[in-house]
Every structure is written in structure tokens, then in C-alpha cells.
Amino acid sequence: QSEFGITTLYVTHDQDEALTMSDRIAVFN
């Protein structure tokens, strides 16, 4: 993602993935 510089939206329920990979996070409920 960094190499391509592409805007990326990533869906996950894994908090560790979200915390380690994201620039920002939206928490849904």
C-alpha cells in the first residue's frame, strides 16, 4: 500500500490487524 500510494479501505474484525496496519480507524457498532 505504501509503495503504490493507493488509498486503501480495509475491513476487519481483528483489532490487532487494525492497530498495526492502519493510519486511521473507524470503529463500527
PDB file of all heavy atoms in Angstrom:
ATOM      1  N   GLN A   1       0.831  -1.205   0.000  1.00  0.00           N
ATOM      2  CA  GLN A   1       0.000   0.000   0.000  1.00  0.00           C
ATOM      3  C   GLN A   1       0.865   1.254   0.000  1.00  0.00           C
ATOM      4  O   GLN A   1       0.589   2.218  -0.719  1.00  0.00           O
ATOM      5  CB  GLN A   1      -0.940  -0.029   1.215  1.00  0.00           C
ATOM      6  CG  GLN A   1      -1.974   1.085   1.206  1.00  0.00           C
ATOM      7  CD  GLN A   1      -1.530   2.322   1.968  1.00  0.00           C
ATOM      8  OE1 GLN A   1      -0.622   2.258   2.798  1.00  0.00           O
ATOM      9  NE2 GLN A   1      -2.160   3.452   1.692  1.00  0.00           N
ATOM     10  N   SER A   2       1.927   1.230   0.790  1.00  0.00           N
ATOM     11  CA  SER A   2       2.827   2.383   0.842  1.00  0.00           C
ATOM     12  C   SER A   2       3.556   2.570  -0.484  1.00  0.00           C
ATOM     13  O   SER A   2       3.738   3.701  -0.953  1.00  0.00           O
ATOM     14  CB  SER A   2       3.846   2.198   1.972  1.00  0.00           C
ATOM     15  OG  SER A   2       3.209   2.139   3.224  1.00  0.00           O
ATOM     16  N   GLU A   3       3.965   1.457  -1.098  1.00  0.00           N
ATOM     17  CA  GLU A   3       4.688   1.529  -2.374  1.00  0.00           C
ATOM     18  C   GLU A   3       3.813   2.124  -3.473  1.00  0.00           C
ATOM     19  O   GLU A   3       4.243   2.981  -4.239  1.00  0.00           O
ATOM     20  CB  GLU A   3       5.159   0.132  -2.786  1.00  0.00           C
ATOM     21  CG  GLU A   3       5.884   0.098  -4.119  1.00  0.00           C
ATOM     22  CD  GLU A   3       6.214  -1.309  -4.586  1.00  0.00           C
ATOM     23  OE1 GLU A   3       6.160  -2.248  -3.760  1.00  0.00           O
ATOM     24  OE2 GLU A   3       6.516  -1.469  -5.776  1.00  0.00           O
ATOM     25  N   PHE A   4       2.552   1.677  -3.537  1.00  0.00           N
ATOM     26  CA  PHE A   4       1.661   2.161  -4.581  1.00  0.00           C
ATOM     27  C   PHE A   4       1.069   3.524  -4.235  1.00  0.00           C
ATOM     28  O   PHE A   4       0.594   4.242  -5.106  1.00  0.00           O
ATOM     29  CB  PHE A   4       0.525   1.153  -4.819  1.00  0.00           C
ATOM     30  CG  PHE A   4       0.933  -0.031  -5.643  1.00  0.00           C
ATOM     31  CD1 PHE A   4       1.488  -1.149  -5.049  1.00  0.00           C
ATOM     32  CD2 PHE A   4       0.778  -0.029  -7.016  1.00  0.00           C
ATOM     33  CE1 PHE A   4       1.865  -2.255  -5.793  1.00  0.00           C
ATOM     34  CE2 PHE A   4       1.148  -1.118  -7.781  1.00  0.00           C
ATOM     35  CZ  PHE A   4       1.704  -2.232  -7.171  1.00  0.00           C
ATOM     36  N   GLY A   5       1.051   3.869  -2.935  1.00  0.00           N
ATOM     37  CA  GLY A   5       0.460   5.125  -2.502  1.00  0.00           C
ATOM     38  C   GLY A   5      -1.028   5.195  -2.740  1.00  0.00           C
ATOM     39  O   GLY A   5      -1.598   6.276  -2.891  1.00  0.00           O
ATOM     40  N   ILE A   6      -1.677   4.044  -2.774  1.00  0.00           N
ATOM     41  CA  ILE A   6      -3.087   3.985  -3.136  1.00  0.00           C
ATOM     42  C   ILE A   6      -3.962   4.112  -1.889  1.00  0.00           C
ATOM     43  O   ILE A   6      -3.649   3.560  -0.825  1.00  0.00           O
ATOM     44  CB  ILE A   6      -3.387   2.665  -3.893  1.00  0.00           C
ATOM     45  CG1 ILE A   6      -4.792   2.679  -4.475  1.00  0.00           C
ATOM     46  CG2 ILE A   6      -3.204   1.453  -2.997  1.00  0.00           C
ATOM     47  CD1 ILE A   6      -5.033   1.533  -5.436  1.00  0.00           C
ATOM     48  N   THR A   7      -5.032   4.860  -1.999  1.00  0.00           N
ATOM     49  CA  THR A   7      -5.985   4.986  -0.900  1.00  0.00           C
ATOM     50  C   THR A   7      -6.645   3.639  -0.667  1.00  0.00           C
ATOM     51  O   THR A   7      -7.213   3.054  -1.593  1.00  0.00           O
ATOM     52  CB  THR A   7      -7.056   6.046  -1.233  1.00  0.00           C
ATOM     53  OG1 THR A   7      -6.405   7.274  -1.562  1.00  0.00           O
ATOM     54  CG2 THR A   7      -7.987   6.253  -0.062  1.00  0.00           C
ATOM     55  N   THR A   8      -6.562   3.145   0.565  1.00  0.00           N
ATOM     56  CA  THR A   8      -6.999   1.786   0.867  1.00  0.00           C
ATOM     57  C   THR A   8      -7.986   1.763   2.020  1.00  0.00           C
ATOM     58  O   THR A   8      -7.746   2.353   3.064  1.00  0.00           O
ATOM     59  CB  THR A   8      -5.784   0.902   1.215  1.00  0.00           C
ATOM     60  OG1 THR A   8      -4.890   0.878   0.093  1.00  0.00           O
ATOM     61  CG2 THR A   8      -6.204  -0.521   1.552  1.00  0.00           C
ATOM     62  N   LEU A   9      -9.114   1.073   1.799  1.00  0.00           N
ATOM     63  CA  LEU A   9     -10.076   0.808   2.863  1.00  0.00           C
ATOM     64  C   LEU A   9     -10.025  -0.681   3.179  1.00  0.00           C
ATOM     65  O   LEU A   9     -10.166  -1.521   2.280  1.00  0.00           O
ATOM     66  CB  LEU A   9     -11.501   1.199   2.450  1.00  0.00           C
ATOM     67  CG  LEU A   9     -11.936   2.610   2.859  1.00  0.00           C
ATOM     68  CD1 LEU A   9     -11.208   3.644   2.018  1.00  0.00           C
ATOM     69  CD2 LEU A   9     -13.442   2.769   2.724  1.00  0.00           C
ATOM     70  N   TYR A  10      -9.819  -0.967   4.439  1.00  0.00           N
ATOM     71  CA  TYR A  10      -9.581  -2.335   4.887  1.00  0.00           C
ATOM     72  C   TYR A  10     -10.637  -2.704   5.917  1.00  0.00           C
ATOM     73  O   TYR A  10     -10.813  -1.987   6.908  1.00  0.00           O
ATOM     74  CB  TYR A  10      -8.182  -2.409   5.499  1.00  0.00           C
ATOM     75  CG  TYR A  10      -7.677  -3.780   5.850  1.00  0.00           C
ATOM     76  CD1 TYR A  10      -6.912  -4.504   4.942  1.00  0.00           C
ATOM     77  CD2 TYR A  10      -7.929  -4.354   7.099  1.00  0.00           C
ATOM     78  CE1 TYR A  10      -6.413  -5.760   5.261  1.00  0.00           C
ATOM     79  CE2 TYR A  10      -7.430  -5.612   7.419  1.00  0.00           C
ATOM     80  CZ  TYR A  10      -6.677  -6.309   6.503  1.00  0.00           C
ATOM     81  OH  TYR A  10      -6.192  -7.545   6.812  1.00  0.00           O
ATOM     82  N   VAL A  11     -11.348  -3.781   5.705  1.00  0.00           N
ATOM     83  CA  VAL A  11     -12.371  -4.234   6.648  1.00  0.00           C
ATOM     84  C   VAL A  11     -11.844  -5.418   7.447  1.00  0.00           C
ATOM     85  O   VAL A  11     -11.300  -6.375   6.883  1.00  0.00           O
ATOM     86  CB  VAL A  11     -13.662  -4.647   5.902  1.00  0.00           C
ATOM     87  CG1 VAL A  11     -14.570  -5.487   6.792  1.00  0.00           C
ATOM     88  CG2 VAL A  11     -14.411  -3.417   5.423  1.00  0.00           C
ATOM     89  N   THR A  12     -11.986  -5.340   8.765  1.00  0.00           N
ATOM     90  CA  THR A  12     -11.565  -6.455   9.614  1.00  0.00           C
ATOM     91  C   THR A  12     -12.310  -6.396  10.939  1.00  0.00           C
ATOM     92  O   THR A  12     -12.810  -5.347  11.345  1.00  0.00           O
ATOM     93  CB  THR A  12     -10.039  -6.425   9.873  1.00  0.00           C
ATOM     94  OG1 THR A  12      -9.661  -7.578  10.607  1.00  0.00           O
ATOM     95  CG2 THR A  12      -9.635  -5.188  10.659  1.00  0.00           C
ATOM     96  N   HIS A  13     -12.388  -7.564  11.601  1.00  0.00           N
ATOM     97  CA  HIS A  13     -12.881  -7.604  12.983  1.00  0.00           C
ATOM     98  C   HIS A  13     -11.715  -7.835  13.940  1.00  0.00           C
ATOM     99  O   HIS A  13     -11.908  -7.897  15.145  1.00  0.00           O
ATOM    100  CB  HIS A  13     -13.911  -8.736  13.155  1.00  0.00           C
ATOM    101  CG  HIS A  13     -13.329 -10.103  12.912  1.00  0.00           C
ATOM    102  ND1 HIS A  13     -13.298 -10.688  11.667  1.00  0.00           N
ATOM    103  CD2 HIS A  13     -12.736 -10.980  13.752  1.00  0.00           C
ATOM    104  CE1 HIS A  13     -12.719 -11.878  11.755  1.00  0.00           C
ATOM    105  NE2 HIS A  13     -12.364 -12.074  12.999  1.00  0.00           N
ATOM    106  N   ASP A  14     -10.507  -7.949  13.381  1.00  0.00           N
ATOM    107  CA  ASP A  14      -9.307  -8.239  14.166  1.00  0.00           C
ATOM    108  C   ASP A  14      -8.677  -6.924  14.637  1.00  0.00           C
ATOM    109  O   ASP A  14      -8.139  -6.155  13.846  1.00  0.00           O
ATOM    110  CB  ASP A  14      -8.315  -9.026  13.300  1.00  0.00           C
ATOM    111  CG  ASP A  14      -7.110  -9.534  14.076  1.00  0.00           C
ATOM    112  OD1 ASP A  14      -6.511  -8.741  14.828  1.00  0.00           O
ATOM    113  OD2 ASP A  14      -6.755 -10.714  13.925  1.00  0.00           O
ATOM    114  N   GLN A  15      -8.738  -6.680  15.951  1.00  0.00           N
ATOM    115  CA  GLN A  15      -8.236  -5.409  16.481  1.00  0.00           C
ATOM    116  C   GLN A  15      -6.731  -5.262  16.287  1.00  0.00           C
ATOM    117  O   GLN A  15      -6.239  -4.157  16.029  1.00  0.00           O
ATOM    118  CB  GLN A  15      -8.557  -5.306  17.974  1.00  0.00           C
ATOM    119  CG  GLN A  15     -10.031  -5.471  18.288  1.00  0.00           C
ATOM    120  CD  GLN A  15     -10.295  -6.697  19.117  1.00  0.00           C
ATOM    121  OE1 GLN A  15      -9.643  -6.914  20.114  1.00  0.00           O
ATOM    122  NE2 GLN A  15     -11.257  -7.498  18.720  1.00  0.00           N
ATOM    123  N   ASP A  16      -5.998  -6.372  16.407  1.00  0.00           N
ATOM    124  CA  ASP A  16      -4.545  -6.306  16.258  1.00  0.00           C
ATOM    125  C   ASP A  16      -4.174  -5.894  14.837  1.00  0.00           C
ATOM    126  O   ASP A  16      -3.276  -5.074  14.633  1.00  0.00           O
ATOM    127  CB  ASP A  16      -3.930  -7.660  16.617  1.00  0.00           C
ATOM    128  CG  ASP A  16      -2.423  -7.580  16.798  1.00  0.00           C
ATOM    129  OD1 ASP A  16      -1.956  -6.596  17.406  1.00  0.00           O
ATOM    130  OD2 ASP A  16      -1.709  -8.481  16.325  1.00  0.00           O
ATOM    131  N   GLU A  17      -4.862  -6.451  13.850  1.00  0.00           N
ATOM    132  CA  GLU A  17      -4.640  -6.050  12.461  1.00  0.00           C
ATOM    133  C   GLU A  17      -4.878  -4.559  12.296  1.00  0.00           C
ATOM    134  O   GLU A  17      -4.075  -3.838  11.691  1.00  0.00           O
ATOM    135  CB  GLU A  17      -5.590  -6.800  11.523  1.00  0.00           C
ATOM    136  CG  GLU A  17      -5.098  -8.155  11.074  1.00  0.00           C
ATOM    137  CD  GLU A  17      -6.059  -8.801  10.086  1.00  0.00           C
ATOM    138  OE1 GLU A  17      -6.893  -8.088   9.493  1.00  0.00           O
ATOM    139  OE2 GLU A  17      -5.979 -10.027   9.913  1.00  0.00           O
ATOM    140  N   ALA A  18      -5.997  -4.099  12.830  1.00  0.00           N
ATOM    141  CA  ALA A  18      -6.352  -2.683  12.675  1.00  0.00           C
ATOM    142  C   ALA A  18      -5.307  -1.776  13.312  1.00  0.00           C
ATOM    143  O   ALA A  18      -4.888  -0.777  12.726  1.00  0.00           O
ATOM    144  CB  ALA A  18      -7.727  -2.425  13.288  1.00  0.00           C
ATOM    145  N   LEU A  19      -4.870  -2.121  14.517  1.00  0.00           N
ATOM    146  CA  LEU A  19      -3.928  -1.261  15.230  1.00  0.00           C
ATOM    147  C   LEU A  19      -2.561  -1.224  14.559  1.00  0.00           C
ATOM    148  O   LEU A  19      -1.898  -0.189  14.528  1.00  0.00           O
ATOM    149  CB  LEU A  19      -3.786  -1.734  16.679  1.00  0.00           C
ATOM    150  CG  LEU A  19      -5.014  -1.540  17.581  1.00  0.00           C
ATOM    151  CD1 LEU A  19      -4.806  -2.242  18.919  1.00  0.00           C
ATOM    152  CD2 LEU A  19      -5.323  -0.066  17.795  1.00  0.00           C
ATOM    153  N   THR A  20      -2.101  -2.355  14.019  1.00  0.00           N
ATOM    154  CA  THR A  20      -0.751  -2.427  13.473  1.00  0.00           C
ATOM    155  C   THR A  20      -0.647  -1.918  12.035  1.00  0.00           C
ATOM    156  O   THR A  20       0.428  -1.501  11.606  1.00  0.00           O
ATOM    157  CB  THR A  20      -0.210  -3.864  13.521  1.00  0.00           C
ATOM    158  OG1 THR A  20      -1.113  -4.734  12.818  1.00  0.00           O
ATOM    159  CG2 THR A  20      -0.068  -4.353  14.947  1.00  0.00           C
ATOM    160  N   MET A  21      -1.757  -1.926  11.289  1.00  0.00           N
ATOM    161  CA  MET A  21      -1.684  -1.608   9.864  1.00  0.00           C
ATOM    162  C   MET A  21      -2.203  -0.223   9.495  1.00  0.00           C
ATOM    163  O   MET A  21      -1.821   0.329   8.469  1.00  0.00           O
ATOM    164  CB  MET A  21      -2.469  -2.658   9.051  1.00  0.00           C
ATOM    165  CG  MET A  21      -1.914  -4.069   9.166  1.00  0.00           C
ATOM    166  SD  MET A  21      -2.972  -5.284   8.363  1.00  0.00           S
ATOM    167  CE  MET A  21      -2.751  -4.847   6.641  1.00  0.00           C
ATOM    168  N   SER A  22      -3.061   0.347  10.307  1.00  0.00           N
ATOM    169  CA  SER A  22      -3.859   1.499   9.872  1.00  0.00           C
ATOM    170  C   SER A  22      -3.198   2.843  10.129  1.00  0.00           C
ATOM    171  O   SER A  22      -2.481   3.021  11.109  1.00  0.00           O
ATOM    172  CB  SER A  22      -5.215   1.487  10.590  1.00  0.00           C
ATOM    173  OG  SER A  22      -5.820   0.213  10.512  1.00  0.00           O
ATOM    174  N   ASP A  23      -3.514   3.796   9.254  1.00  0.00           N
ATOM    175  CA  ASP A  23      -3.237   5.197   9.547  1.00  0.00           C
ATOM    176  C   ASP A  23      -4.340   5.749  10.449  1.00  0.00           C
ATOM    177  O   ASP A  23      -4.069   6.454  11.418  1.00  0.00           O
ATOM    178  CB  ASP A  23      -3.167   6.014   8.252  1.00  0.00           C
ATOM    179  CG  ASP A  23      -2.007   5.586   7.371  1.00  0.00           C
ATOM    180  OD1 ASP A  23      -0.903   5.372   7.913  1.00  0.00           O
ATOM    181  OD2 ASP A  23      -2.198   5.454   6.147  1.00  0.00           O
ATOM    182  N   ARG A  24      -5.592   5.403  10.099  1.00  0.00           N
ATOM    183  CA  ARG A  24      -6.730   5.751  10.947  1.00  0.00           C
ATOM    184  C   ARG A  24      -7.732   4.608  10.924  1.00  0.00           C
ATOM    185  O   ARG A  24      -7.732   3.777  10.013  1.00  0.00           O
ATOM    186  CB  ARG A  24      -7.413   7.052  10.487  1.00  0.00           C
ATOM    187  CG  ARG A  24      -6.621   8.311  10.794  1.00  0.00           C
ATOM    188  CD  ARG A  24      -7.482   9.566  10.624  1.00  0.00           C
ATOM    189  NE  ARG A  24      -8.025   9.655   9.277  1.00  0.00           N
ATOM    190  CZ  ARG A  24      -9.188  10.238   8.984  1.00  0.00           C
ATOM    191  NH1 ARG A  24      -9.941  10.755   9.947  1.00  0.00           N
ATOM    192  NH2 ARG A  24      -9.603  10.299   7.726  1.00  0.00           N
ATOM    193  N   ILE A  25      -8.594   4.606  11.945  1.00  0.00           N
ATOM    194  CA  ILE A  25      -9.569   3.533  12.123  1.00  0.00           C
ATOM    195  C   ILE A  25     -10.936   4.147  12.392  1.00  0.00           C
ATOM    196  O   ILE A  25     -11.049   5.133  13.122  1.00  0.00           O
ATOM    197  CB  ILE A  25      -9.187   2.635  13.322  1.00  0.00           C
ATOM    198  CG1 ILE A  25      -7.812   1.991  13.113  1.00  0.00           C
ATOM    199  CG2 ILE A  25     -10.243   1.559  13.578  1.00  0.00           C
ATOM    200  CD1 ILE A  25      -7.255   1.327  14.368  1.00  0.00           C
ATOM    201  N   ALA A  26     -11.982   3.547  11.813  1.00  0.00           N
ATOM    202  CA  ALA A  26     -13.360   3.853  12.187  1.00  0.00           C
ATOM    203  C   ALA A  26     -13.934   2.612  12.854  1.00  0.00           C
ATOM    204  O   ALA A  26     -13.958   1.533  12.248  1.00  0.00           O
ATOM    205  CB  ALA A  26     -14.194   4.234  10.968  1.00  0.00           C
ATOM    206  N   VAL A  27     -14.360   2.743  14.107  1.00  0.00           N
ATOM    207  CA  VAL A  27     -14.920   1.610  14.845  1.00  0.00           C
ATOM    208  C   VAL A  27     -16.436   1.628  14.677  1.00  0.00           C
ATOM    209  O   VAL A  27     -17.100   2.600  15.058  1.00  0.00           O
ATOM    210  CB  VAL A  27     -14.548   1.666  16.334  1.00  0.00           C
ATOM    211  CG1 VAL A  27     -15.106   0.437  17.062  1.00  0.00           C
ATOM    212  CG2 VAL A  27     -13.038   1.740  16.515  1.00  0.00           C
ATOM    213  N   PHE A  28     -16.964   0.543  14.108  1.00  0.00           N
ATOM    214  CA  PHE A  28     -18.400   0.420  13.849  1.00  0.00           C
ATOM    215  C   PHE A  28     -19.077  -0.385  14.958  1.00  0.00           C
ATOM    216  O   PHE A  28     -18.504  -1.338  15.503  1.00  0.00           O
ATOM    217  CB  PHE A  28     -18.638  -0.303  12.525  1.00  0.00           C
ATOM    218  CG  PHE A  28     -18.588   0.582  11.310  1.00  0.00           C
ATOM    219  CD1 PHE A  28     -17.384   1.128  10.885  1.00  0.00           C
ATOM    220  CD2 PHE A  28     -19.729   0.852  10.580  1.00  0.00           C
ATOM    221  CE1 PHE A  28     -17.324   1.933   9.757  1.00  0.00           C
ATOM    222  CE2 PHE A  28     -19.686   1.657   9.451  1.00  0.00           C
ATOM    223  CZ  PHE A  28     -18.484   2.200   9.036  1.00  0.00           C
ATOM    224  N   ASN A  29     -20.324  -0.017  15.246  1.00  0.00           N
ATOM    225  CA  ASN A  29     -21.156  -0.765  16.183  1.00  0.00           C
ATOM    226  C   ASN A  29     -22.608  -0.579  15.771  1.00  0.00           C
ATOM    227  O   ASN A  29     -23.116   0.541  15.771  1.00  0.00           O
ATOM    228  CB  ASN A  29     -20.941  -0.264  17.620  1.00  0.00           C
ATOM    229  CG  ASN A  29     -21.792  -1.011  18.631  1.00  0.00           C
ATOM    230  OD1 ASN A  29     -22.127  -2.186  18.427  1.00  0.00           O
ATOM    231  ND2 ASN A  29     -22.144  -0.349  19.706  1.00  0.00           N
TER     232      ASN A  29
END
